[in-house]
Structure formats: structure tokens, C-alpha cells
C-alpha atoms as a PDB file:
ATOM      1  CA  MET A   1      92.172  82.428 109.328  1.00  0.00           C
ATOM      2  CA  GLU A   2      91.313  81.740 105.708  1.00  0.00           C
ATOM      3  CA  ARG A   3      93.842  81.107 102.938  1.00  0.00           C
ATOM      4  CA  VAL A   4      93.646  83.291  99.821  1.00  0.00           C
ATOM      5  CA  THR A   5      95.607  82.824  96.614  1.00  0.00           C
ATOM      6  CA  LEU A   6      96.405  85.890  94.559  1.00  0.00           C
ATOM      7  CA  ARG A   7      98.717  87.095  91.825  1.00  0.00           C
ATOM      8  CA  ILE A   8     101.002  90.041  92.507  1.00  0.00           C
ATOM      9  CA  PRO A   9     103.501  91.604  90.096  1.00  0.00           C
ATOM     10  CA  LYS A  10     107.062  90.389  90.630  1.00  0.00           C
ATOM     11  CA  GLN A  11     108.367  93.867  91.446  1.00  0.00           C
ATOM     12  CA  GLN A  12     105.839  94.289  94.250  1.00  0.00           C
ATOM     13  CA  ILE A  13     106.699  90.877  95.731  1.00  0.00           C
ATOM     14  CA  GLU A  14     110.387  91.783  95.616  1.00  0.00           C
ATOM     15  CA  GLU A  15     109.617  94.985  97.528  1.00  0.00           C
ATOM     16  CA  VAL A  16     107.611  93.019 100.114  1.00  0.00           C
ATOM     17  CA  GLU A  17     110.485  90.536 100.443  1.00  0.00           C
ATOM     18  CA  GLN A  18     112.869  93.431 101.066  1.00  0.00           C
ATOM     19  CA  MET A  19     110.631  94.680 103.899  1.00  0.00           C
ATOM     20  CA  VAL A  20     110.712  91.180 105.398  1.00  0.00           C
ATOM     21  CA  GLU A  21     114.505  90.950 105.046  1.00  0.00           C
ATOM     22  CA  THR A  22     114.981  94.306 106.796  1.00  0.00           C
ATOM     23  CA  GLY A  23     112.739  93.166 109.656  1.00  0.00           C
ATOM     24  CA  GLU A  24     109.884  95.564 108.979  1.00  0.00           C
ATOM     25  CA  TYR A  25     107.558  92.529 108.848  1.00  0.00           C
ATOM     26  CA  PRO A  26     108.144  88.984 110.097  1.00  0.00           C
ATOM     27  CA  ASN A  27     106.990  87.393 106.828  1.00  0.00           C
ATOM     28  CA  ARG A  28     105.206  88.079 103.528  1.00  0.00           C
ATOM     29  CA  SER A  29     101.820  87.063 104.871  1.00  0.00           C
ATOM     30  CA  GLU A  30     101.967  89.608 107.695  1.00  0.00           C
ATOM     31  CA  ALA A  31     103.126  92.323 105.287  1.00  0.00           C
ATOM     32  CA  ILE A  32     100.188  91.614 102.982  1.00  0.00           C
ATOM     33  CA  ARG A  33      97.757  91.477 105.917  1.00  0.00           C
ATOM     34  CA  ALA A  34      99.056  94.901 107.020  1.00  0.00           C
ATOM     35  CA  ALA A  35      98.486  96.253 103.502  1.00  0.00           C
ATOM     36  CA  VAL A  36      94.914  94.948 103.529  1.00  0.00           C
ATOM     37  CA  ARG A  37      94.295  96.481 106.970  1.00  0.00           C
ATOM     38  CA  ASN A  38      95.616  99.827 105.718  1.00  0.00           C
ATOM     39  CA  MET A  39      93.414  99.616 102.622  1.00  0.00           C
ATOM     40  CA  LEU A  40      90.329  98.875 104.731  1.00  0.00           C
ATOM     41  CA  ASN A  41      91.146 101.707 107.150  1.00  0.00           C
ATOM     42  CA  GLU A  42      91.603 104.097 104.231  1.00  0.00           C
ATOM     43  CA  HIS A  43      88.313 102.963 102.720  1.00  0.00           C
ATOM     44  CA  GLU A  44      86.552 103.500 106.038  1.00  0.00           C
ATOM     45  CA  GLY A  45      87.980 107.021 106.241  1.00  0.00           C
ATOM     46  CA  ASN A  46      86.974 107.768 102.640  1.00  0.00           C
ATOM     47  CA  SER A  47      83.422 106.512 103.138  1.00  0.00           C
ATOM     48  CA  GLU A  48      82.638 109.783 104.893  1.00  0.00           C
ATOM     49  CA  SER A  49      84.106 111.718 101.965  1.00  0.00           C
ATOM     50  CA  SER A  50      82.021 112.823  98.997  1.00  0.00           C
ATOM     51  CA  ASP A  51      84.675 111.546  96.547  1.00  0.00           C
ATOM     52  CA  LYS A  52      84.529 107.784  97.078  1.00  0.00           C
ATOM     53  CA  ARG A  53      86.160 107.095  93.716  1.00  0.00           C
ATOM     54  CA  LYS A  54      89.603 108.141  94.949  1.00  0.00           C
ATOM     55  CA  ARG A  55      91.547 105.007  95.816  1.00  0.00           C
ATOM     56  CA  SER A  56      95.249 105.534  96.336  1.00  0.00           C
ATOM     57  CA  TRP A  57      95.675 101.817  97.119  1.00  0.00           C
ATOM     58  CA  ALA A  58      94.618 100.827  93.602  1.00  0.00           C
ATOM     59  CA  LYS A  59      98.068 101.514  92.150  1.00  0.00           C
ATOM     60  CA  VAL A  60      99.575  98.800  89.933  1.00  0.00           C
END
């Protein structure tokens, strides 16, 4: 597995931490990996669509 450094807004990290605290994810890394998997799955599903510009995951 490769290490990646990124910057995430504080509010989003706090929300991820809350998901970890409630047991939804074992740690922040797994929560972020799940988000990336979901993004890739969504992208794969949208690749068959004619409107490839729609990206619901690109919310800040």
C-alpha cells in the first residue's frame, strides 16, 4: 500500500473522526479508502453515461 498526503478541510476531518468514534470505520485511513472506492465506483458507473461532467463526489 502506498502512502498519500493530502489536505482536507477541518470540518470534513471532524465528520470522518465522528464516523470512526461511532464505529462505522475502524480508523480514518479506512474511512478515506472507502470514500475513494465509492468515488471510483461512481466514476465507473458514470462512464457509461453521456453526462460525464456530473461528479457528486466533488463537493467541498
